[in-house]
């Protein structure tokens, strides 16, 4: 009903006069938004670079862990060899004791 009271020529004149101002305001706002988007793109790009660098560091750490695993395996192998050697030494000590005992028995018989 309010529209019925406003003459068509008035509505048309308002549109002609206000439309350029509205366009300018929208254009200015779009420029602000574009600048913010550019800043965000730059930040995202920097984050991508950082993530890539972190991936490289993680890969390097994986290689270091693999190298450490190999060293641990080598130490484990040496430990197992030493355990076997200790067992052999213990057996040799027992055998040497038995040999001495037998030598003493043999010496006492003669």
PDB file of N, CA and C in Angstrom:
ATOM      1  N   UNK A   1       0.786  -1.174   0.000  1.00  0.00           N
ATOM      2  CA  UNK A   1       0.000   0.000   0.000  1.00  0.00           C
ATOM      3  C   UNK A   1       0.842   1.257   0.000  1.00  0.00           C
ATOM      4  N   UNK A   2       2.036   1.119   0.636  1.00  0.00           N
ATOM      5  CA  UNK A   2       2.956   2.241   0.600  1.00  0.00           C
ATOM      6  C   UNK A   2       3.469   2.443  -0.820  1.00  0.00           C
ATOM      7  N   UNK A   3       3.638   1.342  -1.529  1.00  0.00           N
ATOM      8  CA  UNK A   3       4.116   1.422  -2.909  1.00  0.00           C
ATOM      9  C   UNK A   3       3.085   2.098  -3.800  1.00  0.00           C
ATOM     10  N   UNK A   4       1.833   1.952  -3.487  1.00  0.00           N
ATOM     11  CA  UNK A   4       0.783   2.574  -4.278  1.00  0.00           C
ATOM     12  C   UNK A   4       0.813   4.092  -4.139  1.00  0.00           C
ATOM     13  N   UNK A   5       1.312   4.578  -3.009  1.00  0.00           N
ATOM     14  CA  UNK A   5       1.335   6.007  -2.756  1.00  0.00           C
ATOM     15  C   UNK A   5       2.550   6.690  -3.374  1.00  0.00           C
ATOM     16  N   UNK A   6       3.630   5.885  -3.660  1.00  0.00           N
ATOM     17  CA  UNK A   6       4.852   6.465  -4.227  1.00  0.00           C
ATOM     18  C   UNK A   6       4.709   6.485  -5.749  1.00  0.00           C
ATOM     19  N   UNK A   7       4.854   7.656  -6.348  1.00  0.00           N
ATOM     20  CA  UNK A   7       4.729   7.727  -7.808  1.00  0.00           C
ATOM     21  C   UNK A   7       5.892   6.995  -8.487  1.00  0.00           C
ATOM     22  N   UNK A   8       5.644   6.473  -9.646  1.00  0.00           N
ATOM     23  CA  UNK A   8       6.648   5.728 -10.403  1.00  0.00           C
ATOM     24  C   UNK A   8       7.854   6.568 -10.750  1.00  0.00           C
ATOM     25  N   UNK A   9       7.627   7.819 -11.103  1.00  0.00           N
ATOM     26  CA  UNK A   9       8.752   8.685 -11.468  1.00  0.00           C
ATOM     27  C   UNK A   9       9.699   8.909 -10.297  1.00  0.00           C
ATOM     28  N   UNK A  10       9.125   8.921  -9.039  1.00  0.00           N
ATOM     29  CA  UNK A  10       9.945   9.128  -7.851  1.00  0.00           C
ATOM     30  C   UNK A  10      10.830   7.908  -7.592  1.00  0.00           C
ATOM     31  N   UNK A  11      10.223   6.754  -7.711  1.00  0.00           N
ATOM     32  CA  UNK A  11      10.956   5.507  -7.522  1.00  0.00           C
ATOM     33  C   UNK A  11      12.077   5.391  -8.534  1.00  0.00           C
ATOM     34  N   UNK A  12      11.816   5.723  -9.767  1.00  0.00           N
ATOM     35  CA  UNK A  12      12.809   5.669 -10.828  1.00  0.00           C
ATOM     36  C   UNK A  12      13.941   6.659 -10.574  1.00  0.00           C
ATOM     37  N   UNK A  13      13.607   7.851 -10.121  1.00  0.00           N
ATOM     38  CA  UNK A  13      14.619   8.871  -9.834  1.00  0.00           C
ATOM     39  C   UNK A  13      15.510   8.441  -8.671  1.00  0.00           C
ATOM     40  N   UNK A  14      14.898   7.858  -7.653  1.00  0.00           N
ATOM     41  CA  UNK A  14      15.673   7.396  -6.491  1.00  0.00           C
ATOM     42  C   UNK A  14      16.647   6.307  -6.926  1.00  0.00           C
ATOM     43  N   UNK A  15      16.183   5.392  -7.738  1.00  0.00           N
ATOM     44  CA  UNK A  15      17.056   4.315  -8.221  1.00  0.00           C
ATOM     45  C   UNK A  15      18.221   4.885  -9.008  1.00  0.00           C
ATOM     46  N   UNK A  16      17.954   5.864  -9.869  1.00  0.00           N
ATOM     47  CA  UNK A  16      19.020   6.467 -10.683  1.00  0.00           C
ATOM     48  C   UNK A  16      20.032   7.194  -9.819  1.00  0.00           C
ATOM     49  N   UNK A  17      19.561   7.851  -8.783  1.00  0.00           N
ATOM     50  CA  UNK A  17      20.448   8.629  -7.937  1.00  0.00           C
ATOM     51  C   UNK A  17      21.202   7.757  -6.915  1.00  0.00           C
ATOM     52  N   UNK A  18      20.551   6.749  -6.390  1.00  0.00           N
ATOM     53  CA  UNK A  18      21.128   5.930  -5.323  1.00  0.00           C
ATOM     54  C   UNK A  18      21.945   4.762  -5.872  1.00  0.00           C
ATOM     55  N   UNK A  19      21.592   4.220  -7.000  1.00  0.00           N
ATOM     56  CA  UNK A  19      22.265   3.047  -7.552  1.00  0.00           C
ATOM     57  C   UNK A  19      23.780   3.250  -7.695  1.00  0.00           C
ATOM     58  N   UNK A  20      24.260   4.388  -8.244  1.00  0.00           N
ATOM     59  CA  UNK A  20      25.712   4.565  -8.340  1.00  0.00           C
ATOM     60  C   UNK A  20      26.402   4.575  -6.968  1.00  0.00           C
ATOM     61  N   UNK A  21      25.761   5.169  -5.997  1.00  0.00           N
ATOM     62  CA  UNK A  21      26.341   5.184  -4.654  1.00  0.00           C
ATOM     63  C   UNK A  21      26.410   3.775  -4.073  1.00  0.00           C
ATOM     64  N   UNK A  22      25.343   3.018  -4.275  1.00  0.00           N
ATOM     65  CA  UNK A  22      25.304   1.631  -3.796  1.00  0.00           C
ATOM     66  C   UNK A  22      26.396   0.816  -4.489  1.00  0.00           C
ATOM     67  N   UNK A  23      26.524   0.992  -5.799  1.00  0.00           N
ATOM     68  CA  UNK A  23      27.578   0.281  -6.543  1.00  0.00           C
ATOM     69  C   UNK A  23      28.962   0.629  -5.988  1.00  0.00           C
ATOM     70  N   UNK A  24      29.196   1.886  -5.701  1.00  0.00           N
ATOM     71  CA  UNK A  24      30.494   2.329  -5.169  1.00  0.00           C
ATOM     72  C   UNK A  24      30.753   1.704  -3.801  1.00  0.00           C
ATOM     73  N   UNK A  25      29.735   1.673  -2.965  1.00  0.00           N
ATOM     74  CA  UNK A  25      29.877   1.060  -1.633  1.00  0.00           C
ATOM     75  C   UNK A  25      30.203  -0.431  -1.778  1.00  0.00           C
ATOM     76  N   UNK A  26      29.461  -1.120  -2.642  1.00  0.00           N
ATOM     77  CA  UNK A  26      29.697  -2.548  -2.863  1.00  0.00           C
ATOM     78  C   UNK A  26      31.096  -2.772  -3.419  1.00  0.00           C
ATOM     79  N   UNK A  27      31.505  -1.915  -4.373  1.00  0.00           N
ATOM     80  CA  UNK A  27      32.839  -2.024  -4.958  1.00  0.00           C
ATOM     81  C   UNK A  27      33.915  -1.863  -3.885  1.00  0.00           C
ATOM     82  N   UNK A  28      33.760  -0.869  -3.023  1.00  0.00           N
ATOM     83  CA  UNK A  28      34.722  -0.647  -1.930  1.00  0.00           C
ATOM     84  C   UNK A  28      34.773  -1.849  -0.989  1.00  0.00           C
ATOM     85  N   UNK A  29      33.606  -2.389  -0.675  1.00  0.00           N
ATOM     86  CA  UNK A  29      33.560  -3.561   0.205  1.00  0.00           C
ATOM     87  C   UNK A  29      34.232  -4.761  -0.451  1.00  0.00           C
ATOM     88  N   UNK A  30      34.016  -4.925  -1.748  1.00  0.00           N
ATOM     89  CA  UNK A  30      34.657  -6.033  -2.466  1.00  0.00           C
ATOM     90  C   UNK A  30      36.175  -5.888  -2.467  1.00  0.00           C
ATOM     91  N   UNK A  31      36.659  -4.668  -2.586  1.00  0.00           N
ATOM     92  CA  UNK A  31      38.105  -4.426  -2.542  1.00  0.00           C
ATOM     93  C   UNK A  31      38.653  -4.846  -1.172  1.00  0.00           C
ATOM     94  N   UNK A  32      37.936  -4.485  -0.113  1.00  0.00           N
ATOM     95  CA  UNK A  32      38.353  -4.870   1.243  1.00  0.00           C
ATOM     96  C   UNK A  32      38.365  -6.391   1.377  1.00  0.00           C
ATOM     97  N   UNK A  33      37.308  -7.029   0.895  1.00  0.00           N
ATOM     98  CA  UNK A  33      37.211  -8.489   0.969  1.00  0.00           C
ATOM     99  C   UNK A  33      38.328  -9.132   0.159  1.00  0.00           C
ATOM    100  N   UNK A  34      38.619  -8.609  -1.040  1.00  0.00           N
ATOM    101  CA  UNK A  34      39.700  -9.147  -1.872  1.00  0.00           C
ATOM    102  C   UNK A  34      41.051  -9.058  -1.159  1.00  0.00           C
ATOM    103  N   UNK A  35      41.288  -7.930  -0.484  1.00  0.00           N
ATOM    104  CA  UNK A  35      42.547  -7.774   0.253  1.00  0.00           C
ATOM    105  C   UNK A  35      42.643  -8.794   1.382  1.00  0.00           C
ATOM    106  N   UNK A  36      41.533  -9.003   2.072  1.00  0.00           N
ATOM    107  CA  UNK A  36      41.528  -9.987   3.154  1.00  0.00           C
ATOM    108  C   UNK A  36      41.759 -11.392   2.608  1.00  0.00           C
ATOM    109  N   UNK A  37      41.127 -11.682   1.468  1.00  0.00           N
ATOM    110  CA  UNK A  37      41.316 -12.997   0.844  1.00  0.00           C
ATOM    111  C   UNK A  37      42.767 -13.193   0.400  1.00  0.00           C
ATOM    112  N   UNK A  38      43.371 -12.143  -0.160  1.00  0.00           N
ATOM    113  CA  UNK A  38      44.774 -12.224  -0.565  1.00  0.00           C
ATOM    114  C   UNK A  38      45.665 -12.494   0.644  1.00  0.00           C
ATOM    115  N   UNK A  39      45.378 -11.812   1.762  1.00  0.00           N
ATOM    116  CA  UNK A  39      46.157 -12.031   2.981  1.00  0.00           C
ATOM    117  C   UNK A  39      45.989 -13.465   3.475  1.00  0.00           C
ATOM    118  N   UNK A  40      44.766 -13.965   3.398  1.00  0.00           N
ATOM    119  CA  UNK A  40      44.504 -15.344   3.826  1.00  0.00           C
ATOM    120  C   UNK A  40      45.212 -16.336   2.908  1.00  0.00           C
ATOM    121  N   UNK A  41      45.205 -16.068   1.608  1.00  0.00           N
ATOM    122  CA  UNK A  41      45.898 -16.950   0.660  1.00  0.00           C
ATOM    123  C   UNK A  41      47.399 -16.992   0.964  1.00  0.00           C
ATOM    124  N   UNK A  42      47.956 -15.829   1.288  1.00  0.00           N
ATOM    125  CA  UNK A  42      49.374 -15.757   1.632  1.00  0.00           C
ATOM    126  C   UNK A  42      49.657 -16.569   2.887  1.00  0.00           C
ATOM    127  N   UNK A  43      48.805 -16.432   3.882  1.00  0.00           N
ATOM    128  CA  UNK A  43      48.982 -17.189   5.116  1.00  0.00           C
ATOM    129  C   UNK A  43      48.851 -18.690   4.860  1.00  0.00           C
ATOM    130  N   UNK A  44      47.880 -19.066   4.062  1.00  0.00           N
ATOM    131  CA  UNK A  44      47.676 -20.487   3.750  1.00  0.00           C
ATOM    132  C   UNK A  44      48.881 -21.027   2.991  1.00  0.00           C
ATOM    133  N   UNK A  45      49.403 -20.243   2.068  1.00  0.00           N
ATOM    134  CA  UNK A  45      50.586 -20.659   1.326  1.00  0.00           C
ATOM    135  C   UNK A  45      51.779 -20.844   2.265  1.00  0.00           C
ATOM    136  N   UNK A  46      51.946 -19.914   3.197  1.00  0.00           N
ATOM    137  CA  UNK A  46      53.039 -20.025   4.166  1.00  0.00           C
ATOM    138  C   UNK A  46      52.855 -21.268   5.037  1.00  0.00           C
ATOM    139  N   UNK A  47      51.621 -21.530   5.427  1.00  0.00           N
ATOM    140  CA  UNK A  47      51.344 -22.728   6.217  1.00  0.00           C
ATOM    141  C   UNK A  47      51.651 -23.991   5.422  1.00  0.00           C
ATOM    142  N   UNK A  48      51.326 -23.966   4.126  1.00  0.00           N
ATOM    143  CA  UNK A  48      51.645 -25.108   3.268  1.00  0.00           C
ATOM    144  C   UNK A  48      53.146 -25.349   3.203  1.00  0.00           C
ATOM    145  N   UNK A  49      53.906 -24.268   3.128  1.00  0.00           N
ATOM    146  CA  UNK A  49      55.363 -24.387   3.113  1.00  0.00           C
ATOM    147  C   UNK A  49      55.861 -24.965   4.432  1.00  0.00           C
ATOM    148  N   UNK A  50      55.294 -24.491   5.530  1.00  0.00           N
ATOM    149  CA  UNK A  50      55.688 -25.012   6.838  1.00  0.00           C
ATOM    150  C   UNK A  50      55.328 -26.488   6.980  1.00  0.00           C
ATOM    151  N   UNK A  51      54.165 -26.853   6.504  1.00  0.00           N
ATOM    152  CA  UNK A  51      53.739 -28.257   6.572  1.00  0.00           C
ATOM    153  C   UNK A  51      54.673 -29.121   5.735  1.00  0.00           C
ATOM    154  N   UNK A  52      55.055 -28.625   4.571  1.00  0.00           N
ATOM    155  CA  UNK A  52      55.989 -29.358   3.719  1.00  0.00           C
ATOM    156  C   UNK A  52      57.328 -29.545   4.419  1.00  0.00           C
ATOM    157  N   UNK A  53      57.799 -28.483   5.066  1.00  0.00           N
ATOM    158  CA  UNK A  53      59.065 -28.570   5.808  1.00  0.00           C
ATOM    159  C   UNK A  53      58.951 -29.572   6.950  1.00  0.00           C
ATOM    160  N   UNK A  54      57.810 -29.571   7.612  1.00  0.00           N
ATOM    161  CA  UNK A  54      57.596 -30.529   8.695  1.00  0.00           C
ATOM    162  C   UNK A  54      57.589 -31.950   8.155  1.00  0.00           C
ATOM    163  N   UNK A  55      56.999 -32.135   6.984  1.00  0.00           N
ATOM    164  CA  UNK A  55      57.001 -33.464   6.360  1.00  0.00           C
ATOM    165  C   UNK A  55      58.418 -33.924   6.074  1.00  0.00           C
ATOM    166  N   UNK A  56      59.256 -33.000   5.613  1.00  0.00           N
ATOM    167  CA  UNK A  56      60.661 -33.333   5.346  1.00  0.00           C
ATOM    168  C   UNK A  56      61.361 -33.713   6.645  1.00  0.00           C
ATOM    169  N   UNK A  57      61.096 -32.956   7.704  1.00  0.00           N
ATOM    170  CA  UNK A  57      61.706 -33.258   9.000  1.00  0.00           C
ATOM    171  C   UNK A  57      61.239 -34.614   9.521  1.00  0.00           C
ATOM    172  N   UNK A  58      59.966 -34.904   9.341  1.00  0.00           N
ATOM    173  CA  UNK A  58      59.430 -36.186   9.796  1.00  0.00           C
ATOM    174  C   UNK A  58      60.078 -37.328   9.017  1.00  0.00           C
ATOM    175  N   UNK A  59      60.267 -37.136   7.720  1.00  0.00           N
ATOM    176  CA  UNK A  59      60.931 -38.159   6.912  1.00  0.00           C
ATOM    177  C   UNK A  59      62.354 -38.380   7.392  1.00  0.00           C
ATOM    178  N   UNK A  60      63.054 -37.287   7.691  1.00  0.00           N
ATOM    179  CA  UNK A  60      64.429 -37.393   8.195  1.00  0.00           C
ATOM    180  C   UNK A  60      64.443 -38.120   9.536  1.00  0.00           C
ATOM    181  N   UNK A  61      63.460 -37.815  10.371  1.00  0.00           N
ATOM    182  CA  UNK A  61      63.381 -38.503  11.664  1.00  0.00           C
ATOM    183  C   UNK A  61      63.112 -39.997  11.467  1.00  0.00           C
ATOM    184  N   UNK A  62      62.297 -40.312  10.479  1.00  0.00           N
ATOM    185  CA  UNK A  62      62.033 -41.721  10.171  1.00  0.00           C
ATOM    186  C   UNK A  62      63.300 -42.444   9.772  1.00  0.00           C
ATOM    187  N   UNK A  63      64.137 -41.787   8.978  1.00  0.00           N
ATOM    188  CA  UNK A  63      65.415 -42.385   8.583  1.00  0.00           C
ATOM    189  C   UNK A  63      66.327 -42.565   9.794  1.00  0.00           C
ATOM    190  N   UNK A  64      66.338 -41.572  10.685  1.00  0.00           N
ATOM    191  CA  UNK A  64      67.153 -41.676  11.888  1.00  0.00           C
ATOM    192  C   UNK A  64      66.660 -42.826  12.766  1.00  0.00           C
ATOM    193  N   UNK A  65      65.355 -42.971  12.877  1.00  0.00           N
ATOM    194  CA  UNK A  65      64.790 -44.058  13.674  1.00  0.00           C
ATOM    195  C   UNK A  65      65.165 -45.409  13.062  1.00  0.00           C
ATOM    196  N   UNK A  66      65.109 -45.495  11.736  1.00  0.00           N
ATOM    197  CA  UNK A  66      65.498 -46.734  11.068  1.00  0.00           C
ATOM    198  C   UNK A  66      66.958 -47.061  11.346  1.00  0.00           C
ATOM    199  N   UNK A  67      67.811 -46.033  11.296  1.00  0.00           N
ATOM    200  CA  UNK A  67      69.231 -46.248  11.577  1.00  0.00           C
ATOM    201  C   UNK A  67      69.425 -46.712  13.021  1.00  0.00           C
ATOM    202  N   UNK A  68      68.678 -46.098  13.939  1.00  0.00           N
ATOM    203  CA  UNK A  68      68.768 -46.515  15.344  1.00  0.00           C
ATOM    204  C   UNK A  68      68.280 -47.946  15.528  1.00  0.00           C
ATOM    205  N   UNK A  69      67.221 -48.310  14.820  1.00  0.00           N
ATOM    206  CA  UNK A  69      66.717 -49.688  14.889  1.00  0.00           C
ATOM    207  C   UNK A  69      67.795 -50.672  14.454  1.00  0.00           C
ATOM    208  N   UNK A  70      68.520 -50.334  13.381  1.00  0.00           N
ATOM    209  CA  UNK A  70      69.585 -51.215  12.903  1.00  0.00           C
ATOM    210  C   UNK A  70      70.705 -51.324  13.929  1.00  0.00           C
ATOM    211  N   UNK A  71      71.034 -50.192  14.570  1.00  0.00           N
ATOM    212  CA  UNK A  71      72.071 -50.216  15.604  1.00  0.00           C
ATOM    213  C   UNK A  71      71.627 -51.071  16.788  1.00  0.00           C
ATOM    214  N   UNK A  72      70.359 -50.934  17.155  1.00  0.00           N
ATOM    215  CA  UNK A  72      69.831 -51.736  18.267  1.00  0.00           C
ATOM    216  C   UNK A  72      69.873 -53.210  17.910  1.00  0.00           C
ATOM    217  N   UNK A  73      69.523 -53.550  16.685  1.00  0.00           N
ATOM    218  CA  UNK A  73      69.583 -54.943  16.242  1.00  0.00           C
ATOM    219  C   UNK A  73      71.017 -55.464  16.317  1.00  0.00           C
ATOM    220  N   UNK A  74      71.987 -54.630  15.926  1.00  0.00           N
ATOM    221  CA  UNK A  74      73.387 -55.030  15.988  1.00  0.00           C
ATOM    222  C   UNK A  74      73.812 -55.266  17.435  1.00  0.00           C
ATOM    223  N   UNK A  75      73.372 -54.374  18.339  1.00  0.00           N
ATOM    224  CA  UNK A  75      73.693 -54.539  19.760  1.00  0.00           C
ATOM    225  C   UNK A  75      73.040 -55.803  20.300  1.00  0.00           C
ATOM    226  N   UNK A  76      71.796 -56.043  19.922  1.00  0.00           N
ATOM    227  CA  UNK A  76      71.106 -57.264  20.352  1.00  0.00           C
ATOM    228  C   UNK A  76      71.859 -58.511  19.899  1.00  0.00           C
ATOM    229  N   UNK A  77      72.342 -58.479  18.663  1.00  0.00           N
ATOM    230  CA  UNK A  77      73.110 -59.611  18.128  1.00  0.00           C
ATOM    231  C   UNK A  77      74.381 -59.825  18.949  1.00  0.00           C
ATOM    232  N   UNK A  78      75.071 -58.726  19.269  1.00  0.00           N
ATOM    233  CA  UNK A  78      76.296 -58.825  20.075  1.00  0.00           C
ATOM    234  C   UNK A  78      75.982 -59.348  21.473  1.00  0.00           C
ATOM    235  N   UNK A  79      74.864 -58.881  22.049  1.00  0.00           N
ATOM    236  CA  UNK A  79      74.467 -59.351  23.380  1.00  0.00           C
ATOM    237  C   UNK A  79      74.194 -60.848  23.352  1.00  0.00           C
ATOM    238  N   UNK A  80      73.498 -61.300  22.338  1.00  0.00           N
ATOM    239  CA  UNK A  80      73.215 -62.739  22.218  1.00  0.00           C
ATOM    240  C   UNK A  80      74.510 -63.530  22.068  1.00  0.00           C
ATOM    241  N   UNK A  81      75.441 -63.001  21.278  1.00  0.00           N
ATOM    242  CA  UNK A  81      76.730 -63.669  21.115  1.00  0.00           C
ATOM    243  C   UNK A  81      77.476 -63.717  22.447  1.00  0.00           C
ATOM    244  N   UNK A  82      77.430 -62.626  23.201  1.00  0.00           N
ATOM    245  CA  UNK A  82      78.093 -62.596  24.513  1.00  0.00           C
ATOM    246  C   UNK A  82      77.429 -63.561  25.490  1.00  0.00           C
ATOM    247  N   UNK A  83      76.106 -63.676  25.424  1.00  0.00           N
ATOM    248  CA  UNK A  83      75.409 -64.632  26.286  1.00  0.00           C
ATOM    249  C   UNK A  83      75.869 -66.058  25.974  1.00  0.00           C
ATOM    250  N   UNK A  84      75.969 -66.352  24.680  1.00  0.00           N
ATOM    251  CA  UNK A  84      76.436 -67.682  24.268  1.00  0.00           C
ATOM    252  C   UNK A  84      77.866 -67.900  24.742  1.00  0.00           C
ATOM    253  N   UNK A  85      78.685 -66.858  24.654  1.00  0.00           N
ATOM    254  CA  UNK A  85      80.079 -66.967  25.080  1.00  0.00           C
ATOM    255  C   UNK A  85      80.155 -67.163  26.598  1.00  0.00           C
ATOM    256  N   UNK A  86      79.308 -66.449  27.336  1.00  0.00           N
ATOM    257  CA  UNK A  86      79.286 -66.605  28.797  1.00  0.00           C
ATOM    258  C   UNK A  86      78.882 -68.022  29.168  1.00  0.00           C
ATOM    259  N   UNK A  87      77.902 -68.561  28.459  1.00  0.00           N
ATOM    260  CA  UNK A  87      77.461 -69.934  28.703  1.00  0.00           C
ATOM    261  C   UNK A  87      78.608 -70.894  28.422  1.00  0.00           C
ATOM    262  N   UNK A  88      79.330 -70.639  27.329  1.00  0.00           N
ATOM    263  CA  UNK A  88      80.469 -71.487  26.979  1.00  0.00           C
ATOM    264  C   UNK A  88      81.561 -71.369  28.035  1.00  0.00           C
ATOM    265  N   UNK A  89      81.820 -70.169  28.505  1.00  0.00           N
ATOM    266  CA  UNK A  89      82.851 -69.961  29.527  1.00  0.00           C
ATOM    267  C   UNK A  89      82.468 -70.708  30.801  1.00  0.00           C
ATOM    268  N   UNK A  90      81.190 -70.652  31.168  1.00  0.00           N
ATOM    269  CA  UNK A  90      80.731 -71.360  32.368  1.00  0.00           C
ATOM    270  C   UNK A  90      80.921 -72.865  32.194  1.00  0.00           C
ATOM    271  N   UNK A  91      80.605 -73.371  31.026  1.00  0.00           N
ATOM    272  CA  UNK A  91      80.769 -74.809  30.760  1.00  0.00           C
ATOM    273  C   UNK A  91      82.256 -75.182  30.788  1.00  0.00           C
ATOM    274  N   UNK A  92      83.068 -74.296  30.221  1.00  0.00           N
ATOM    275  CA  UNK A  92      84.520 -74.550  30.207  1.00  0.00           C
ATOM    276  C   UNK A  92      85.049 -74.558  31.637  1.00  0.00           C
ATOM    277  N   UNK A  93      84.572 -73.646  32.455  1.00  0.00           N
ATOM    278  CA  UNK A  93      85.015 -73.603  33.860  1.00  0.00           C
ATOM    279  C   UNK A  93      84.639 -74.886  34.578  1.00  0.00           C
ATOM    280  N   UNK A  94      83.430 -75.375  34.322  1.00  0.00           N
ATOM    281  CA  UNK A  94      82.990 -76.636  34.930  1.00  0.00           C
ATOM    282  C   UNK A  94      83.867 -77.780  34.448  1.00  0.00           C
ATOM    283  N   UNK A  95      84.142 -77.824  33.151  1.00  0.00           N
ATOM    284  CA  UNK A  95      84.985 -78.882  32.593  1.00  0.00           C
ATOM    285  C   UNK A  95      86.404 -78.806  33.136  1.00  0.00           C
ATOM    286  N   UNK A  96      86.933 -77.590  33.279  1.00  0.00           N
ATOM    287  CA  UNK A  96      88.283 -77.427  33.836  1.00  0.00           C
ATOM    288  C   UNK A  96      88.324 -77.928  35.276  1.00  0.00           C
ATOM    289  N   UNK A  97      87.269 -77.633  36.018  1.00  0.00           N
ATOM    290  CA  UNK A  97      87.201 -78.115  37.412  1.00  0.00           C
ATOM    291  C   UNK A  97      87.180 -79.630  37.444  1.00  0.00           C
ATOM    292  N   UNK A  98      86.400 -80.220  36.557  1.00  0.00           N
ATOM    293  CA  UNK A  98      86.342 -81.691  36.489  1.00  0.00           C
ATOM    294  C   UNK A  98      87.684 -82.271  36.078  1.00  0.00           C
ATOM    295  N   UNK A  99      88.364 -81.617  35.132  1.00  0.00           N
ATOM    296  CA  UNK A  99      89.679 -82.089  34.698  1.00  0.00           C
ATOM    297  C   UNK A  99      90.661 -82.032  35.872  1.00  0.00           C
ATOM    298  N   UNK A 100      90.657 -80.952  36.631  1.00  0.00           N
ATOM    299  CA  UNK A 100      91.542 -80.840  37.801  1.00  0.00           C
ATOM    300  C   UNK A 100      91.239 -81.924  38.818  1.00  0.00           C
ATOM    301  N   UNK A 101      89.938 -82.141  39.008  1.00  0.00           N
ATOM    302  CA  UNK A 101      89.530 -83.188  39.955  1.00  0.00           C
ATOM    303  C   UNK A 101      90.025 -84.544  39.504  1.00  0.00           C
ATOM    304  N   UNK A 102      89.875 -84.814  38.207  1.00  0.00           N
ATOM    305  CA  UNK A 102      90.346 -86.095  37.664  1.00  0.00           C
ATOM    306  C   UNK A 102      91.863 -86.199  37.739  1.00  0.00           C
ATOM    307  N   UNK A 103      92.544 -85.074  37.487  1.00  0.00           N
ATOM    308  CA  UNK A 103      94.020 -85.075  37.564  1.00  0.00           C
ATOM    309  C   UNK A 103      94.454 -85.348  39.007  1.00  0.00           C
ATOM    310  N   UNK A 104      93.738 -84.765  39.967  1.00  0.00           N
ATOM    311  CA  UNK A 104      94.075 -84.999  41.380  1.00  0.00           C
ATOM    312  C   UNK A 104      93.839 -86.468  41.764  1.00  0.00           C
ATOM    313  N   UNK A 105      92.732 -87.019  41.283  1.00  0.00           N
ATOM    314  CA  UNK A 105      92.453 -88.437  41.573  1.00  0.00           C
ATOM    315  C   UNK A 105      93.516 -89.300  40.930  1.00  0.00           C
ATOM    316  N   UNK A 106      93.896 -88.995  39.751  1.00  0.00           N
ATOM    317  CA  UNK A 106      94.910 -89.765  39.032  1.00  0.00           C
ATOM    318  C   UNK A 106      96.259 -89.633  39.741  1.00  0.00           C
ATOM    319  N   UNK A 107      96.564 -88.426  40.197  1.00  0.00           N
ATOM    320  CA  UNK A 107      97.839 -88.199  40.893  1.00  0.00           C
ATOM    321  C   UNK A 107      97.843 -88.924  42.229  1.00  0.00           C
ATOM    322  N   UNK A 108      96.733 -89.015  42.898  1.00  0.00           N
ATOM    323  CA  UNK A 108      96.681 -89.697  44.178  1.00  0.00           C
ATOM    324  C   UNK A 108      96.779 -91.215  44.009  1.00  0.00           C
ATOM    325  N   UNK A 109      96.435 -91.761  42.895  1.00  0.00           N
ATOM    326  CA  UNK A 109      96.523 -93.209  42.632  1.00  0.00           C
ATOM    327  C   UNK A 109      97.968 -93.618  42.360  1.00  0.00           C
ATOM    328  N   UNK A 110      98.719 -92.731  41.883  1.00  0.00           N
ATOM    329  CA  UNK A 110     100.082 -93.119  41.544  1.00  0.00           C
ATOM    330  C   UNK A 110     101.035 -92.925  42.655  1.00  0.00           C
TER     331      UNK A 110
END
